[in-house]
C-alpha cells in the first residue's frame, strides 16, 4: 500500500510548512494600504438636538 510509505508525504509536509512560515509572512507583512488611517481627535463633536416639526 503506497499510502503507508511516509517518505514522500513527510517531504511534502515539510516543504509546505517551509512555504507557509518562510515565504508567505514577509509578503503579507510587506502589504501596504492605499490610504493610511488617520487619527481622530479625542474631543467629541458637539451635536445639537433636532427640532421635530410635529412636536
C-alpha atoms as a PDB file:
ATOM      1  CA  UNK A   1       0.000   0.000   0.000  1.00  0.00           C
ATOM      2  CA  UNK A   2       1.730   3.205  -1.084  1.00  0.00           C
ATOM      3  CA  UNK A   3      -0.298   5.345   1.346  1.00  0.00           C
ATOM      4  CA  UNK A   4       1.634   3.903   4.272  1.00  0.00           C
ATOM      5  CA  UNK A   5       5.016   4.985   2.909  1.00  0.00           C
ATOM      6  CA  UNK A   6       5.724   8.252   4.801  1.00  0.00           C
ATOM      7  CA  UNK A   7       8.714   9.356   2.754  1.00  0.00           C
ATOM      8  CA  UNK A   8       7.054  11.457   0.022  1.00  0.00           C
ATOM      9  CA  UNK A   9       4.296  12.771   2.311  1.00  0.00           C
ATOM     10  CA  UNK A  10       6.715  13.870   5.013  1.00  0.00           C
ATOM     11  CA  UNK A  11       8.747  15.801   2.428  1.00  0.00           C
ATOM     12  CA  UNK A  12       5.581  17.449   1.131  1.00  0.00           C
ATOM     13  CA  UNK A  13       4.577  18.362   4.686  1.00  0.00           C
ATOM     14  CA  UNK A  14       7.971  19.898   5.467  1.00  0.00           C
ATOM     15  CA  UNK A  15       8.059  21.825   2.183  1.00  0.00           C
ATOM     16  CA  UNK A  16       4.537  23.182   2.650  1.00  0.00           C
ATOM     17  CA  UNK A  17       5.383  24.370   6.187  1.00  0.00           C
ATOM     18  CA  UNK A  18       8.539  25.960   4.835  1.00  0.00           C
ATOM     19  CA  UNK A  19       6.426  27.879   2.333  1.00  0.00           C
ATOM     20  CA  UNK A  20       3.884  28.923   4.963  1.00  0.00           C
ATOM     21  CA  UNK A  21       6.455  30.006   7.550  1.00  0.00           C
ATOM     22  CA  UNK A  22       9.243  31.487   5.438  1.00  0.00           C
ATOM     23  CA  UNK A  23       7.805  32.821   2.198  1.00  0.00           C
ATOM     24  CA  UNK A  24       4.218  33.916   2.851  1.00  0.00           C
ATOM     25  CA  UNK A  25       4.603  36.052   6.076  1.00  0.00           C
ATOM     26  CA  UNK A  26       7.082  38.563   4.598  1.00  0.00           C
ATOM     27  CA  UNK A  27       4.809  39.005   1.588  1.00  0.00           C
ATOM     28  CA  UNK A  28       1.810  39.628   3.832  1.00  0.00           C
ATOM     29  CA  UNK A  29       3.709  41.978   6.157  1.00  0.00           C
ATOM     30  CA  UNK A  30       5.029  43.997   3.197  1.00  0.00           C
ATOM     31  CA  UNK A  31       1.485  44.771   2.100  1.00  0.00           C
ATOM     32  CA  UNK A  32       0.629  48.453   2.298  1.00  0.00           C
ATOM     33  CA  UNK A  33      -2.804  50.005   2.246  1.00  0.00           C
ATOM     34  CA  UNK A  34      -3.528  52.720  -0.302  1.00  0.00           C
ATOM     35  CA  UNK A  35      -4.798  55.077   2.391  1.00  0.00           C
ATOM     36  CA  UNK A  36      -3.335  55.045   5.860  1.00  0.00           C
ATOM     37  CA  UNK A  37      -5.907  55.554   8.616  1.00  0.00           C
ATOM     38  CA  UNK A  38      -5.899  58.994  10.208  1.00  0.00           C
ATOM     39  CA  UNK A  39      -6.100  59.565  13.921  1.00  0.00           C
ATOM     40  CA  UNK A  40      -9.264  61.210  15.127  1.00  0.00           C
ATOM     41  CA  UNK A  41      -9.275  63.841  17.815  1.00  0.00           C
ATOM     42  CA  UNK A  42     -10.152  62.832  21.357  1.00  0.00           C
ATOM     43  CA  UNK A  43     -12.721  65.625  21.654  1.00  0.00           C
ATOM     44  CA  UNK A  44     -16.283  64.674  20.930  1.00  0.00           C
ATOM     45  CA  UNK A  45     -18.015  66.910  18.419  1.00  0.00           C
ATOM     46  CA  UNK A  46     -20.838  68.939  19.879  1.00  0.00           C
ATOM     47  CA  UNK A  47     -24.163  67.875  18.497  1.00  0.00           C
ATOM     48  CA  UNK A  48     -27.434  69.712  18.598  1.00  0.00           C
ATOM     49  CA  UNK A  49     -30.742  68.036  19.203  1.00  0.00           C
ATOM     50  CA  UNK A  50     -33.185  68.015  16.374  1.00  0.00           C
ATOM     51  CA  UNK A  51     -36.287  70.141  16.453  1.00  0.00           C
ATOM     52  CA  UNK A  52     -39.048  67.954  15.170  1.00  0.00           C
ATOM     53  CA  UNK A  53     -41.806  69.896  13.355  1.00  0.00           C
ATOM     54  CA  UNK A  54     -44.638  67.762  14.796  1.00  0.00           C
ATOM     55  CA  UNK A  55     -43.739  68.309  18.460  1.00  0.00           C
END
